[in-house]
C-alpha atoms as a PDB file:
ATOM      1  CA  UNK A   1      -6.507 -24.855  11.991  1.00  0.00           C
ATOM      2  CA  UNK A   2      -4.166 -22.400  13.691  1.00  0.00           C
ATOM      3  CA  UNK A   3      -5.562 -19.787  16.017  1.00  0.00           C
ATOM      4  CA  UNK A   4      -4.532 -16.229  15.284  1.00  0.00           C
ATOM      5  CA  UNK A   5      -2.453 -14.581  17.979  1.00  0.00           C
ATOM      6  CA  UNK A   6      -3.418 -11.017  18.592  1.00  0.00           C
ATOM      7  CA  UNK A   7      -0.808  -8.425  19.473  1.00  0.00           C
ATOM      8  CA  UNK A   8      -1.599  -6.523  22.666  1.00  0.00           C
ATOM      9  CA  UNK A   9      -3.115  -3.114  22.202  1.00  0.00           C
ATOM     10  CA  UNK A  10      -0.437  -0.373  22.600  1.00  0.00           C
ATOM     11  CA  UNK A  11      -2.535   1.883  24.875  1.00  0.00           C
ATOM     12  CA  UNK A  12      -2.082  -0.159  28.099  1.00  0.00           C
ATOM     13  CA  UNK A  13       1.639  -0.571  27.397  1.00  0.00           C
ATOM     14  CA  UNK A  14       2.076   3.163  26.838  1.00  0.00           C
ATOM     15  CA  UNK A  15       0.102   3.916  30.012  1.00  0.00           C
ATOM     16  CA  UNK A  16       2.338   1.593  32.037  1.00  0.00           C
ATOM     17  CA  UNK A  17       5.488   3.181  30.604  1.00  0.00           C
ATOM     18  CA  UNK A  18       4.135   6.671  31.327  1.00  0.00           C
ATOM     19  CA  UNK A  19       3.235   5.721  34.901  1.00  0.00           C
ATOM     20  CA  UNK A  20       6.680   4.200  35.498  1.00  0.00           C
ATOM     21  CA  UNK A  21       8.402   7.273  34.072  1.00  0.00           C
ATOM     22  CA  UNK A  22       6.287   9.607  36.211  1.00  0.00           C
ATOM     23  CA  UNK A  23       7.081   7.581  39.328  1.00  0.00           C
ATOM     24  CA  UNK A  24      10.824   7.689  38.588  1.00  0.00           C
ATOM     25  CA  UNK A  25      10.755  11.439  37.998  1.00  0.00           C
ATOM     26  CA  UNK A  26       8.737  12.052  41.158  1.00  0.00           C
ATOM     27  CA  UNK A  27      11.144   9.963  43.225  1.00  0.00           C
ATOM     28  CA  UNK A  28      14.178  11.778  41.822  1.00  0.00           C
ATOM     29  CA  UNK A  29      12.492  15.136  42.379  1.00  0.00           C
ATOM     30  CA  UNK A  30      11.679  14.345  46.001  1.00  0.00           C
ATOM     31  CA  UNK A  31      15.227  13.178  46.652  1.00  0.00           C
ATOM     32  CA  UNK A  32      16.726  16.428  45.360  1.00  0.00           C
ATOM     33  CA  UNK A  33      14.099  18.405  47.305  1.00  0.00           C
ATOM     34  CA  UNK A  34      15.056  16.574  50.502  1.00  0.00           C
ATOM     35  CA  UNK A  35      18.770  17.146  49.817  1.00  0.00           C
ATOM     36  CA  UNK A  36      18.248  20.865  49.288  1.00  0.00           C
ATOM     37  CA  UNK A  37      16.169  21.376  52.409  1.00  0.00           C
ATOM     38  CA  UNK A  38      18.241  18.995  54.517  1.00  0.00           C
ATOM     39  CA  UNK A  39      21.358  21.103  53.967  1.00  0.00           C
ATOM     40  CA  UNK A  40      22.912  22.712  57.040  1.00  0.00           C
ATOM     41  CA  UNK A  41      25.660  25.263  57.092  1.00  0.00           C
ATOM     42  CA  UNK A  42      27.834  26.983  59.644  1.00  0.00           C
ATOM     43  CA  UNK A  43      28.007  30.689  58.892  1.00  0.00           C
ATOM     44  CA  UNK A  44      31.137  32.342  60.294  1.00  0.00           C
ATOM     45  CA  UNK A  45      30.753  36.039  61.046  1.00  0.00           C
ATOM     46  CA  UNK A  46      33.724  38.363  61.265  1.00  0.00           C
ATOM     47  CA  UNK A  47      34.395  41.697  62.928  1.00  0.00           C
ATOM     48  CA  UNK A  48      33.552  44.689  60.757  1.00  0.00           C
ATOM     49  CA  UNK A  49      36.334  45.687  58.384  1.00  0.00           C
ATOM     50  CA  UNK A  50      38.091  42.310  58.580  1.00  0.00           C
ATOM     51  CA  UNK A  51      40.441  42.168  55.573  1.00  0.00           C
ATOM     52  CA  UNK A  52      39.669  39.591  52.898  1.00  0.00           C
ATOM     53  CA  UNK A  53      43.117  38.050  53.423  1.00  0.00           C
ATOM     54  CA  UNK A  54      42.269  37.325  57.078  1.00  0.00           C
ATOM     55  CA  UNK A  55      38.927  35.778  56.119  1.00  0.00           C
ATOM     56  CA  UNK A  56      40.649  33.518  53.591  1.00  0.00           C
ATOM     57  CA  UNK A  57      43.286  32.591  56.202  1.00  0.00           C
ATOM     58  CA  UNK A  58      40.551  31.502  58.639  1.00  0.00           C
ATOM     59  CA  UNK A  59      38.737  29.614  55.891  1.00  0.00           C
ATOM     60  CA  UNK A  60      41.901  27.728  54.920  1.00  0.00           C
ATOM     61  CA  UNK A  61      42.958  26.994  58.502  1.00  0.00           C
ATOM     62  CA  UNK A  62      39.710  25.201  59.348  1.00  0.00           C
ATOM     63  CA  UNK A  63      38.987  23.563  55.988  1.00  0.00           C
ATOM     64  CA  UNK A  64      40.713  20.271  56.845  1.00  0.00           C
ATOM     65  CA  UNK A  65      37.998  19.056  59.224  1.00  0.00           C
ATOM     66  CA  UNK A  66      35.894  16.077  58.146  1.00  0.00           C
ATOM     67  CA  UNK A  67      32.236  16.787  57.335  1.00  0.00           C
ATOM     68  CA  UNK A  68      32.785  20.565  57.478  1.00  0.00           C
ATOM     69  CA  UNK A  69      33.755  21.682  54.005  1.00  0.00           C
ATOM     70  CA  UNK A  70      33.991  25.364  53.129  1.00  0.00           C
ATOM     71  CA  UNK A  71      31.493  26.362  50.500  1.00  0.00           C
ATOM     72  CA  UNK A  72      33.067  27.662  47.311  1.00  0.00           C
ATOM     73  CA  UNK A  73      33.476  31.379  46.895  1.00  0.00           C
ATOM     74  CA  UNK A  74      31.591  32.491  43.770  1.00  0.00           C
ATOM     75  CA  UNK A  75      33.945  33.134  40.868  1.00  0.00           C
ATOM     76  CA  UNK A  76      32.487  36.566  40.221  1.00  0.00           C
ATOM     77  CA  UNK A  77      33.507  37.758  43.704  1.00  0.00           C
ATOM     78  CA  UNK A  78      36.893  39.408  43.902  1.00  0.00           C
ATOM     79  CA  UNK A  79      39.073  38.417  46.853  1.00  0.00           C
ATOM     80  CA  UNK A  80      39.121  42.050  47.949  1.00  0.00           C
ATOM     81  CA  UNK A  81      35.306  42.142  47.874  1.00  0.00           C
ATOM     82  CA  UNK A  82      34.378  38.985  49.815  1.00  0.00           C
ATOM     83  CA  UNK A  83      31.024  38.651  51.526  1.00  0.00           C
ATOM     84  CA  UNK A  84      30.964  39.432  55.237  1.00  0.00           C
ATOM     85  CA  UNK A  85      30.947  35.770  56.202  1.00  0.00           C
ATOM     86  CA  UNK A  86      32.400  32.401  55.298  1.00  0.00           C
ATOM     87  CA  UNK A  87      30.170  29.329  55.101  1.00  0.00           C
ATOM     88  CA  UNK A  88      30.911  25.676  55.806  1.00  0.00           C
ATOM     89  CA  UNK A  89      28.576  22.930  54.608  1.00  0.00           C
ATOM     90  CA  UNK A  90      27.938  20.735  57.678  1.00  0.00           C
ATOM     91  CA  UNK A  91      24.915  18.634  56.681  1.00  0.00           C
ATOM     92  CA  UNK A  92      26.748  15.381  57.432  1.00  0.00           C
ATOM     93  CA  UNK A  93      28.646  16.652  60.483  1.00  0.00           C
ATOM     94  CA  UNK A  94      28.119  15.219  63.939  1.00  0.00           C
ATOM     95  CA  UNK A  95      27.908  17.424  67.022  1.00  0.00           C
ATOM     96  CA  UNK A  96      31.524  16.524  67.819  1.00  0.00           C
ATOM     97  CA  UNK A  97      32.689  17.561  64.337  1.00  0.00           C
ATOM     98  CA  UNK A  98      30.833  20.874  64.623  1.00  0.00           C
ATOM     99  CA  UNK A  99      32.454  21.388  68.038  1.00  0.00           C
ATOM    100  CA  UNK A 100      35.899  20.838  66.464  1.00  0.00           C
ATOM    101  CA  UNK A 101      35.060  23.366  63.742  1.00  0.00           C
ATOM    102  CA  UNK A 102      33.955  25.857  66.394  1.00  0.00           C
ATOM    103  CA  UNK A 103      37.178  25.315  68.380  1.00  0.00           C
ATOM    104  CA  UNK A 104      39.252  25.885  65.255  1.00  0.00           C
ATOM    105  CA  UNK A 105      37.388  29.092  64.378  1.00  0.00           C
ATOM    106  CA  UNK A 106      37.509  30.400  67.954  1.00  0.00           C
ATOM    107  CA  UNK A 107      41.319  30.640  67.715  1.00  0.00           C
ATOM    108  CA  UNK A 108      40.956  33.686  65.473  1.00  0.00           C
ATOM    109  CA  UNK A 109      40.162  37.051  67.118  1.00  0.00           C
ATOM    110  CA  UNK A 110      38.517  38.299  63.915  1.00  0.00           C
ATOM    111  CA  UNK A 111      35.746  35.674  64.224  1.00  0.00           C
ATOM    112  CA  UNK A 112      32.851  37.072  66.267  1.00  0.00           C
ATOM    113  CA  UNK A 113      30.260  34.350  65.806  1.00  0.00           C
ATOM    114  CA  UNK A 114      29.225  31.070  64.248  1.00  0.00           C
ATOM    115  CA  UNK A 115      25.614  30.421  63.367  1.00  0.00           C
ATOM    116  CA  UNK A 116      24.222  27.029  62.368  1.00  0.00           C
ATOM    117  CA  UNK A 117      21.422  27.401  59.871  1.00  0.00           C
ATOM    118  CA  UNK A 118      19.751  25.843  56.883  1.00  0.00           C
ATOM    119  CA  UNK A 119      18.718  27.599  53.674  1.00  0.00           C
ATOM    120  CA  UNK A 120      15.097  26.682  54.400  1.00  0.00           C
ATOM    121  CA  UNK A 121      15.212  29.063  57.369  1.00  0.00           C
ATOM    122  CA  UNK A 122      15.463  26.574  60.237  1.00  0.00           C
END
């Protein structure tokens, strides 16, 4: 006589799938959280009333440096109505690369300061 083979109950299988999915989502969420709060930027401040053309000239002149990429200017901002600063994303930059960025920016008399910061407030 043949013994009947029972199919496994679906509840434990569904629980395992749900747990695996939750773990994957949590891991992906933590990774993006770490990326967002690990971001560093160099904020370049200009003298008051610096023309937008000068700000764009400075941005272009120092945009070739490795690990210091200028952040995009929002599309809704007109070139004549730029913010009062230009930002470079420097999360992956070494101290030497940040020093080279600072040297490049210091060549321009319209630049009055460079502040390293992170969006999380550090």
